[in-house]
Amino acid sequence: MPYRPGMADEDTEDGVVVDLGSPCVHAFQHGHTLRVRIDRVEKRNAMTQDMYRAVKRAAILADRDADIDVLVLTGTDDVFCVGGDMGGNSIDDPTLSAEWDPTDHFPFRHLERCGAAVIAAVNGLCYAGGLDIAIHCDFVIAAESARFRAPEVMRGAPDVFMAARLADWVGVGNAKWIMFAMDAFDAQRAQEMGLVQEIAPDDEFEAAVDALVANVARGGPGSRRAIKDDINRDLRPHDFRVFQRSIMNPEMREGMTAFLEKRDPVWPRD
């Protein structure tokens, strides 16, 4: 059966289960909040294409359903998301031809355009595509133990999503440091740079997320949407030509091969 906005199953203590089409992405609607949890812990929540599409569907649902004020994205255990699955693994999705929006399988622009407030609740490791998810949300609350990293350049893969957004969050110098030095950094450093707006102790994280959701939901949904549209109006477009020029060139092939072989890359120079 094709997935459609608002498709739901049974009531649970977490809310009404919403089927987003991936066994590794769980969604529950409770009152005016849609909560989405990435759950592929055996692969550190690495995203397959069906998982990215599930997050995209959540953003579409939250945008189309006037009863949803807040969309919360989080992970499982001590991992938010470490990015895309580099091993080529995926889960067959027979509904791909019936996508809610077949023009883009990634969720990033849908998160930005979603009329609901979108909160990244970063519960742990937030690397690569996980960082992309976070910076396309409206703001970030992080657990004290959360860590952030952008290792794409080590793979020879320029990330156009990060290049278009990260400097708006942390400034040009910090954005280049994050992407070029590729060091992991903690939640405190992330907050100092402007990447994280709120930090909570690990054992108080869920309660802090609930309090933040309750605060956000107090506002008028129409006013919130208007403000979000106005703030986001001048965001730079994602320049996919950057990636198209690099796709599977010698540098990217070496970066990906080195990653899979768990060694340092030897970059071609000609």
C-alpha atoms as a PDB file:
ATOM      1  CA  MET A   1       0.000   0.000   0.000  1.00  0.00           C
ATOM      2  CA  PRO A   2       1.451   3.431  -0.892  1.00  0.00           C
ATOM      3  CA  TYR A   3       2.310   5.631   2.057  1.00  0.00           C
ATOM      4  CA  ARG A   4       0.163   8.697   2.469  1.00  0.00           C
ATOM      5  CA  PRO A   5       0.289  11.625   4.883  1.00  0.00           C
ATOM      6  CA  GLY A   6      -1.498  10.807   8.113  1.00  0.00           C
ATOM      7  CA  MET A   7      -1.396   7.045   7.646  1.00  0.00           C
ATOM      8  CA  ALA A   8      -1.429   5.676  11.217  1.00  0.00           C
ATOM      9  CA  ASP A   9      -1.663   2.384  13.029  1.00  0.00           C
ATOM     10  CA  GLU A  10      -2.432   1.769  16.714  1.00  0.00           C
ATOM     11  CA  ASP A  11      -2.401   3.920  19.825  1.00  0.00           C
ATOM     12  CA  THR A  12       0.514   3.370  22.206  1.00  0.00           C
ATOM     13  CA  GLU A  13       1.767   5.063  25.379  1.00  0.00           C
ATOM     14  CA  ASP A  14       4.015   7.178  23.121  1.00  0.00           C
ATOM     15  CA  GLY A  15       1.103   8.269  20.943  1.00  0.00           C
ATOM     16  CA  VAL A  16      -0.396   7.161  17.657  1.00  0.00           C
ATOM     17  CA  VAL A  17       2.058   5.157  15.579  1.00  0.00           C
ATOM     18  CA  VAL A  18       2.663   6.756  12.178  1.00  0.00           C
ATOM     19  CA  ASP A  19       4.053   4.533   9.422  1.00  0.00           C
ATOM     20  CA  LEU A  20       6.789   6.376   7.506  1.00  0.00           C
ATOM     21  CA  GLY A  21       7.839   3.374   5.456  1.00  0.00           C
ATOM     22  CA  SER A  22      11.083   2.332   7.128  1.00  0.00           C
ATOM     23  CA  PRO A  23      11.505  -0.258   9.886  1.00  0.00           C
ATOM     24  CA  CYS A  24      14.410   1.813  11.234  1.00  0.00           C
ATOM     25  CA  VAL A  25      12.540   5.101  11.626  1.00  0.00           C
ATOM     26  CA  HIS A  26       9.768   5.156  14.244  1.00  0.00           C
ATOM     27  CA  ALA A  27       7.191   7.937  14.458  1.00  0.00           C
ATOM     28  CA  PHE A  28       4.519   8.764  17.008  1.00  0.00           C
ATOM     29  CA  GLN A  29       1.997  11.589  17.023  1.00  0.00           C
ATOM     30  CA  HIS A  30       0.991  12.749  20.480  1.00  0.00           C
ATOM     31  CA  GLY A  31      -1.260  15.778  20.620  1.00  0.00           C
ATOM     32  CA  HIS A  32       0.250  18.442  18.374  1.00  0.00           C
ATOM     33  CA  THR A  33       3.713  16.856  18.268  1.00  0.00           C
ATOM     34  CA  LEU A  34       5.175  14.346  15.811  1.00  0.00           C
ATOM     35  CA  ARG A  35       8.225  12.578  17.251  1.00  0.00           C
ATOM     36  CA  VAL A  36      10.561  10.673  14.956  1.00  0.00           C
ATOM     37  CA  ARG A  37      13.314   8.388  16.214  1.00  0.00           C
ATOM     38  CA  ILE A  38      16.109   6.925  14.095  1.00  0.00           C
ATOM     39  CA  ASP A  39      16.731   3.364  15.255  1.00  0.00           C
ATOM     40  CA  ARG A  40      19.429   1.351  13.522  1.00  0.00           C
ATOM     41  CA  VAL A  41      21.799   1.046  16.432  1.00  0.00           C
ATOM     42  CA  GLU A  42      23.706  -1.944  15.044  1.00  0.00           C
ATOM     43  CA  LYS A  43      24.976   0.456  12.325  1.00  0.00           C
ATOM     44  CA  ARG A  44      25.162   3.526  14.614  1.00  0.00           C
ATOM     45  CA  ASN A  45      21.984   4.850  12.965  1.00  0.00           C
ATOM     46  CA  ALA A  46      23.666   5.123   9.561  1.00  0.00           C
ATOM     47  CA  MET A  47      21.011   6.176   7.081  1.00  0.00           C
ATOM     48  CA  THR A  48      19.911   4.040   4.152  1.00  0.00           C
ATOM     49  CA  GLN A  49      17.879   5.665   1.404  1.00  0.00           C
ATOM     50  CA  ASP A  50      14.629   4.316   2.823  1.00  0.00           C
ATOM     51  CA  MET A  51      15.500   5.962   6.160  1.00  0.00           C
ATOM     52  CA  TYR A  52      16.238   9.321   4.564  1.00  0.00           C
ATOM     53  CA  ARG A  53      12.912   9.070   2.719  1.00  0.00           C
ATOM     54  CA  ALA A  54      11.131   8.280   5.996  1.00  0.00           C
ATOM     55  CA  VAL A  55      12.481  11.487   7.570  1.00  0.00           C
ATOM     56  CA  LYS A  56      11.432  13.353   4.454  1.00  0.00           C
ATOM     57  CA  ARG A  57       7.931  11.900   4.755  1.00  0.00           C
ATOM     58  CA  ALA A  58       7.776  13.057   8.380  1.00  0.00           C
ATOM     59  CA  ALA A  59       8.558  16.610   7.274  1.00  0.00           C
ATOM     60  CA  ILE A  60       5.909  16.454   4.548  1.00  0.00           C
ATOM     61  CA  LEU A  61       3.344  15.085   6.976  1.00  0.00           C
ATOM     62  CA  ALA A  62       4.110  17.762   9.582  1.00  0.00           C
ATOM     63  CA  ASP A  63       3.842  20.439   6.915  1.00  0.00           C
ATOM     64  CA  ARG A  64       0.525  19.221   5.504  1.00  0.00           C
ATOM     65  CA  ASP A  65      -1.201  18.386   8.787  1.00  0.00           C
ATOM     66  CA  ALA A  66      -2.403  21.612  10.410  1.00  0.00           C
ATOM     67  CA  ASP A  67      -2.772  19.738  13.701  1.00  0.00           C
ATOM     68  CA  ILE A  68       1.010  19.239  14.028  1.00  0.00           C
ATOM     69  CA  ASP A  69       2.874  22.159  15.612  1.00  0.00           C
ATOM     70  CA  VAL A  70       6.233  20.544  16.346  1.00  0.00           C
ATOM     71  CA  LEU A  71       8.334  17.861  14.664  1.00  0.00           C
ATOM     72  CA  VAL A  72      11.081  16.353  16.849  1.00  0.00           C
ATOM     73  CA  LEU A  73      13.888  14.283  15.329  1.00  0.00           C
ATOM     74  CA  THR A  74      16.098  12.192  17.594  1.00  0.00           C
ATOM     75  CA  GLY A  75      18.140   8.989  17.665  1.00  0.00           C
ATOM     76  CA  THR A  76      18.434   5.843  19.753  1.00  0.00           C
ATOM     77  CA  ASP A  77      20.771   5.066  22.657  1.00  0.00           C
ATOM     78  CA  ASP A  78      23.894   7.240  22.412  1.00  0.00           C
ATOM     79  CA  VAL A  79      23.713   7.985  18.681  1.00  0.00           C
ATOM     80  CA  PHE A  80      21.690  10.610  16.827  1.00  0.00           C
ATOM     81  CA  CYS A  81      22.941   9.730  13.339  1.00  0.00           C
ATOM     82  CA  VAL A  82      26.399   9.186  11.814  1.00  0.00           C
ATOM     83  CA  GLY A  83      25.320   9.970   8.245  1.00  0.00           C
ATOM     84  CA  GLY A  84      24.625   7.874   5.200  1.00  0.00           C
ATOM     85  CA  ASP A  85      25.399   4.167   5.039  1.00  0.00           C
ATOM     86  CA  MET A  86      28.651   4.052   3.079  1.00  0.00           C
ATOM     87  CA  GLY A  87      28.500   0.292   2.647  1.00  0.00           C
ATOM     88  CA  GLY A  88      25.825   0.394  -0.027  1.00  0.00           C
ATOM     89  CA  ASN A  89      23.232  -1.238   2.209  1.00  0.00           C
ATOM     90  CA  SER A  90      19.582  -0.381   1.770  1.00  0.00           C
ATOM     91  CA  ILE A  91      16.139  -1.771   2.373  1.00  0.00           C
ATOM     92  CA  ASP A  92      13.914  -2.350  -0.627  1.00  0.00           C
ATOM     93  CA  ASP A  93      11.027   0.089  -0.742  1.00  0.00           C
ATOM     94  CA  PRO A  94       8.271  -1.046  -3.129  1.00  0.00           C
ATOM     95  CA  THR A  95       6.517   2.308  -2.704  1.00  0.00           C
ATOM     96  CA  LEU A  96       9.330   4.412  -4.167  1.00  0.00           C
ATOM     97  CA  SER A  97       7.292   5.102  -7.288  1.00  0.00           C
ATOM     98  CA  ALA A  98       4.498   6.487  -5.093  1.00  0.00           C
ATOM     99  CA  GLU A  99       6.686   8.895  -3.101  1.00  0.00           C
ATOM    100  CA  TRP A 100       4.881  11.807  -1.463  1.00  0.00           C
ATOM    101  CA  ASP A 101       7.422  14.035  -3.187  1.00  0.00           C
ATOM    102  CA  PRO A 102       9.362  12.048  -5.806  1.00  0.00           C
ATOM    103  CA  THR A 103      11.601  15.003  -6.723  1.00  0.00           C
ATOM    104  CA  ASP A 104      14.028  14.571  -3.812  1.00  0.00           C
ATOM    105  CA  HIS A 105      14.766  11.522  -1.656  1.00  0.00           C
ATOM    106  CA  PHE A 106      16.766  13.505   0.902  1.00  0.00           C
ATOM    107  CA  PRO A 107      14.835  15.291   3.661  1.00  0.00           C
ATOM    108  CA  PHE A 108      16.852  18.496   4.010  1.00  0.00           C
ATOM    109  CA  ARG A 109      14.857  21.034   2.015  1.00  0.00           C
ATOM    110  CA  HIS A 110      11.621  19.519   3.326  1.00  0.00           C
ATOM    111  CA  LEU A 111      12.746  20.076   6.904  1.00  0.00           C
ATOM    112  CA  GLU A 112      13.441  23.730   6.132  1.00  0.00           C
ATOM    113  CA  ARG A 113      10.154  24.262   4.321  1.00  0.00           C
ATOM    114  CA  CYS A 114       8.038  22.422   6.876  1.00  0.00           C
ATOM    115  CA  GLY A 115       5.509  24.776   8.457  1.00  0.00           C
ATOM    116  CA  ALA A 116       5.845  23.082  11.838  1.00  0.00           C
ATOM    117  CA  ALA A 117       8.753  23.924  14.111  1.00  0.00           C
ATOM    118  CA  VAL A 118      11.431  21.267  13.550  1.00  0.00           C
ATOM    119  CA  ILE A 119      13.679  20.405  16.501  1.00  0.00           C
ATOM    120  CA  ALA A 120      16.814  18.278  16.286  1.00  0.00           C
ATOM    121  CA  ALA A 121      17.094  16.525  19.653  1.00  0.00           C
ATOM    122  CA  VAL A 122      20.701  15.355  19.391  1.00  0.00           C
ATOM    123  CA  ASN A 123      21.034  12.577  21.947  1.00  0.00           C
ATOM    124  CA  GLY A 124      24.563  11.430  21.005  1.00  0.00           C
ATOM    125  CA  LEU A 125      26.906  11.141  18.028  1.00  0.00           C
ATOM    126  CA  CYS A 126      25.934  13.553  15.251  1.00  0.00           C
ATOM    127  CA  TYR A 127      28.241  13.074  12.273  1.00  0.00           C
ATOM    128  CA  ALA A 128      28.129  13.781   8.542  1.00  0.00           C
ATOM    129  CA  GLY A 129      24.553  13.398   7.265  1.00  0.00           C
ATOM    130  CA  GLY A 130      23.348  13.509  10.868  1.00  0.00           C
ATOM    131  CA  LEU A 131      24.841  16.999  11.097  1.00  0.00           C
ATOM    132  CA  ASP A 132      23.111  17.833   7.815  1.00  0.00           C
ATOM    133  CA  ILE A 133      19.795  16.834   9.360  1.00  0.00           C
ATOM    134  CA  ALA A 134      20.479  18.990  12.411  1.00  0.00           C
ATOM    135  CA  ILE A 135      21.395  22.161  10.503  1.00  0.00           C
ATOM    136  CA  HIS A 136      18.303  21.904   8.317  1.00  0.00           C
ATOM    137  CA  CYS A 137      16.091  21.859  11.411  1.00  0.00           C
ATOM    138  CA  ASP A 138      15.015  25.084  13.087  1.00  0.00           C
ATOM    139  CA  PHE A 139      17.224  24.627  16.146  1.00  0.00           C
ATOM    140  CA  VAL A 140      19.144  22.025  18.108  1.00  0.00           C
ATOM    141  CA  ILE A 141      18.937  20.780  21.688  1.00  0.00           C
ATOM    142  CA  ALA A 142      21.792  18.447  22.591  1.00  0.00           C
ATOM    143  CA  ALA A 143      22.601  16.019  25.355  1.00  0.00           C
ATOM    144  CA  GLU A 144      25.744  16.909  27.283  1.00  0.00           C
ATOM    145  CA  SER A 145      27.555  13.866  25.852  1.00  0.00           C
ATOM    146  CA  ALA A 146      26.674  14.651  22.217  1.00  0.00           C
ATOM    147  CA  ARG A 147      29.539  14.958  19.768  1.00  0.00           C
ATOM    148  CA  PHE A 148      29.648  16.445  16.286  1.00  0.00           C
ATOM    149  CA  ARG A 149      31.845  15.852  13.243  1.00  0.00           C
ATOM    150  CA  ALA A 150      31.889  16.426   9.470  1.00  0.00           C
ATOM    151  CA  PRO A 151      34.322  13.943   7.835  1.00  0.00           C
ATOM    152  CA  GLU A 152      33.109  14.212   4.225  1.00  0.00           C
ATOM    153  CA  VAL A 153      36.317  15.729   2.830  1.00  0.00           C
ATOM    154  CA  MET A 154      38.153  12.633   4.056  1.00  0.00           C
ATOM    155  CA  ARG A 155      35.895  10.677   1.682  1.00  0.00           C
ATOM    156  CA  GLY A 156      36.625  13.016  -1.246  1.00  0.00           C
ATOM    157  CA  ALA A 157      32.934  13.912  -1.237  1.00  0.00           C
ATOM    158  CA  PRO A 158      31.994  17.611  -1.111  1.00  0.00           C
ATOM    159  CA  ASP A 159      28.759  17.944   0.872  1.00  0.00           C
ATOM    160  CA  VAL A 160      26.635  20.608  -0.820  1.00  0.00           C
ATOM    161  CA  PHE A 161      24.026  20.477   1.939  1.00  0.00           C
ATOM    162  CA  MET A 162      26.587  21.319   4.605  1.00  0.00           C
ATOM    163  CA  ALA A 163      28.387  23.856   2.434  1.00  0.00           C
ATOM    164  CA  ALA A 164      25.145  25.750   1.875  1.00  0.00           C
ATOM    165  CA  ARG A 165      24.069  25.895   5.535  1.00  0.00           C
ATOM    166  CA  LEU A 166      26.841  25.420   8.080  1.00  0.00           C
ATOM    167  CA  ALA A 167      28.338  28.915   7.798  1.00  0.00           C
ATOM    168  CA  ASP A 168      24.917  30.435   8.512  1.00  0.00           C
ATOM    169  CA  TRP A 169      24.911  28.589  11.835  1.00  0.00           C
ATOM    170  CA  VAL A 170      28.522  28.935  12.993  1.00  0.00           C
ATOM    171  CA  GLY A 171      30.222  31.565  10.795  1.00  0.00           C
ATOM    172  CA  VAL A 172      32.595  31.136   7.872  1.00  0.00           C
ATOM    173  CA  GLY A 173      35.752  30.384   9.860  1.00  0.00           C
ATOM    174  CA  ASN A 174      34.097  27.827  12.115  1.00  0.00           C
ATOM    175  CA  ALA A 175      32.377  26.173   9.144  1.00  0.00           C
ATOM    176  CA  LYS A 176      35.692  25.739   7.351  1.00  0.00           C
ATOM    177  CA  TRP A 177      37.338  24.421  10.527  1.00  0.00           C
ATOM    178  CA  ILE A 178      34.570  21.854  10.995  1.00  0.00           C
ATOM    179  CA  MET A 179      34.715  20.662   7.388  1.00  0.00           C
ATOM    180  CA  PHE A 180      38.487  20.861   6.768  1.00  0.00           C
ATOM    181  CA  ALA A 181      39.973  19.809  10.136  1.00  0.00           C
ATOM    182  CA  MET A 182      37.302  17.110  10.513  1.00  0.00           C
ATOM    183  CA  ASP A 183      37.834  16.884  14.276  1.00  0.00           C
ATOM    184  CA  ALA A 184      34.999  15.769  16.543  1.00  0.00           C
ATOM    185  CA  PHE A 185      33.838  18.400  19.034  1.00  0.00           C
ATOM    186  CA  ASP A 186      31.548  18.345  22.024  1.00  0.00           C
ATOM    187  CA  ALA A 187      28.194  19.952  22.750  1.00  0.00           C
ATOM    188  CA  GLN A 188      29.773  22.819  24.694  1.00  0.00           C
ATOM    189  CA  ARG A 189      31.956  23.788  21.723  1.00  0.00           C
ATOM    190  CA  ALA A 190      28.950  23.401  19.433  1.00  0.00           C
ATOM    191  CA  GLN A 191      26.932  25.791  21.598  1.00  0.00           C
ATOM    192  CA  GLU A 192      29.762  28.323  21.680  1.00  0.00           C
ATOM    193  CA  MET A 193      29.787  28.323  17.874  1.00  0.00           C
ATOM    194  CA  GLY A 194      26.008  28.664  17.619  1.00  0.00           C
ATOM    195  CA  LEU A 195      25.330  25.170  16.313  1.00  0.00           C
ATOM    196  CA  VAL A 196      23.468  24.133  19.484  1.00  0.00           C
ATOM    197  CA  GLN A 197      20.940  26.360  21.237  1.00  0.00           C
ATOM    198  CA  GLU A 198      20.404  24.318  24.408  1.00  0.00           C
ATOM    199  CA  ILE A 199      22.343  21.621  26.292  1.00  0.00           C
ATOM    200  CA  ALA A 200      20.853  19.271  28.880  1.00  0.00           C
ATOM    201  CA  PRO A 201      22.497  16.674  31.151  1.00  0.00           C
ATOM    202  CA  ASP A 202      22.120  13.201  29.704  1.00  0.00           C
ATOM    203  CA  ASP A 203      19.835  12.004  32.485  1.00  0.00           C
ATOM    204  CA  GLU A 204      17.589  15.056  32.054  1.00  0.00           C
ATOM    205  CA  PHE A 205      17.630  15.162  28.266  1.00  0.00           C
ATOM    206  CA  GLU A 206      14.181  13.714  27.565  1.00  0.00           C
ATOM    207  CA  ALA A 207      12.568  16.031  30.119  1.00  0.00           C
ATOM    208  CA  ALA A 208      14.395  19.012  28.612  1.00  0.00           C
ATOM    209  CA  VAL A 209      13.139  18.097  25.136  1.00  0.00           C
ATOM    210  CA  ASP A 210       9.582  17.804  26.470  1.00  0.00           C
ATOM    211  CA  ALA A 211       9.858  21.234  28.113  1.00  0.00           C
ATOM    212  CA  LEU A 212      11.190  22.790  24.921  1.00  0.00           C
ATOM    213  CA  VAL A 213       8.389  21.245  22.851  1.00  0.00           C
ATOM    214  CA  ALA A 214       5.797  22.560  25.309  1.00  0.00           C
ATOM    215  CA  ASN A 215       7.259  26.065  25.108  1.00  0.00           C
ATOM    216  CA  VAL A 216       7.324  26.091  21.315  1.00  0.00           C
ATOM    217  CA  ALA A 217       3.770  24.734  21.051  1.00  0.00           C
ATOM    218  CA  ARG A 218       2.425  27.694  23.066  1.00  0.00           C
ATOM    219  CA  GLY A 219       2.886  30.018  20.079  1.00  0.00           C
ATOM    220  CA  GLY A 220       0.443  30.685  17.275  1.00  0.00           C
ATOM    221  CA  PRO A 221       1.079  28.188  14.463  1.00  0.00           C
ATOM    222  CA  GLY A 222       0.333  30.696  11.712  1.00  0.00           C
ATOM    223  CA  SER A 223       2.689  33.283  13.190  1.00  0.00           C
ATOM    224  CA  ARG A 224       5.402  30.675  13.647  1.00  0.00           C
ATOM    225  CA  ARG A 225       5.107  29.559  10.037  1.00  0.00           C
ATOM    226  CA  ALA A 226       5.243  33.167   8.797  1.00  0.00           C
ATOM    227  CA  ILE A 227       8.382  33.880  10.835  1.00  0.00           C
ATOM    228  CA  LYS A 228      10.064  30.695   9.623  1.00  0.00           C
ATOM    229  CA  ASP A 229       9.271  31.547   6.005  1.00  0.00           C
ATOM    230  CA  ASP A 230      10.665  35.055   6.462  1.00  0.00           C
ATOM    231  CA  ILE A 231      13.885  33.931   8.169  1.00  0.00           C
ATOM    232  CA  ASN A 232      14.513  31.163   5.627  1.00  0.00           C
ATOM    233  CA  ARG A 233      13.742  33.271   2.561  1.00  0.00           C
ATOM    234  CA  ASP A 234      17.345  34.254   1.897  1.00  0.00           C
ATOM    235  CA  LEU A 235      19.019  30.901   2.540  1.00  0.00           C
ATOM    236  CA  ARG A 236      21.431  29.934  -0.213  1.00  0.00           C
ATOM    237  CA  PRO A 237      20.245  27.194  -2.569  1.00  0.00           C
ATOM    238  CA  HIS A 238      22.066  23.871  -2.506  1.00  0.00           C
ATOM    239  CA  ASP A 239      24.439  23.838  -5.479  1.00  0.00           C
ATOM    240  CA  PHE A 240      24.208  20.249  -6.669  1.00  0.00           C
ATOM    241  CA  ARG A 241      26.636  21.013  -9.509  1.00  0.00           C
ATOM    242  CA  VAL A 242      29.446  20.808  -6.931  1.00  0.00           C
ATOM    243  CA  PHE A 243      28.614  17.194  -6.228  1.00  0.00           C
ATOM    244  CA  GLN A 244      27.894  16.397  -9.870  1.00  0.00           C
ATOM    245  CA  ARG A 245      31.378  17.577 -10.856  1.00  0.00           C
ATOM    246  CA  SER A 246      32.908  15.330  -8.206  1.00  0.00           C
ATOM    247  CA  ILE A 247      30.794  12.211  -8.417  1.00  0.00           C
ATOM    248  CA  MET A 248      33.066   9.186  -8.692  1.00  0.00           C
ATOM    249  CA  ASN A 249      36.065  11.148  -9.951  1.00  0.00           C
ATOM    250  CA  PRO A 250      39.478   9.680  -8.935  1.00  0.00           C
ATOM    251  CA  GLU A 251      39.518  11.570  -5.629  1.00  0.00           C
ATOM    252  CA  MET A 252      36.073  10.372  -4.579  1.00  0.00           C
ATOM    253  CA  ARG A 253      36.829   6.809  -5.651  1.00  0.00           C
ATOM    254  CA  GLU A 254      39.983   6.815  -3.522  1.00  0.00           C
ATOM    255  CA  GLY A 255      38.202   8.393  -0.557  1.00  0.00           C
ATOM    256  CA  MET A 256      35.365   5.876  -0.622  1.00  0.00           C
ATOM    257  CA  THR A 257      37.710   2.920  -1.180  1.00  0.00           C
ATOM    258  CA  ALA A 258      39.937   4.015   1.696  1.00  0.00           C
ATOM    259  CA  PHE A 259      36.914   4.318   3.972  1.00  0.00           C
ATOM    260  CA  LEU A 260      35.683   0.832   3.140  1.00  0.00           C
ATOM    261  CA  GLU A 261      39.214  -0.581   3.530  1.00  0.00           C
ATOM    262  CA  LYS A 262      39.659   1.309   6.836  1.00  0.00           C
ATOM    263  CA  ARG A 263      42.870   3.077   5.806  1.00  0.00           C
ATOM    264  CA  ASP A 264      44.040   6.611   5.138  1.00  0.00           C
ATOM    265  CA  PRO A 265      43.419   7.763   1.560  1.00  0.00           C
ATOM    266  CA  VAL A 266      46.275   8.384  -0.852  1.00  0.00           C
ATOM    267  CA  TRP A 267      44.988  11.293  -2.871  1.00  0.00           C
ATOM    268  CA  PRO A 268      45.606  11.421  -6.622  1.00  0.00           C
ATOM    269  CA  ARG A 269      47.322  14.673  -7.588  1.00  0.00           C
ATOM    270  CA  ASP A 270      46.903  14.836 -11.370  1.00  0.00           C
END
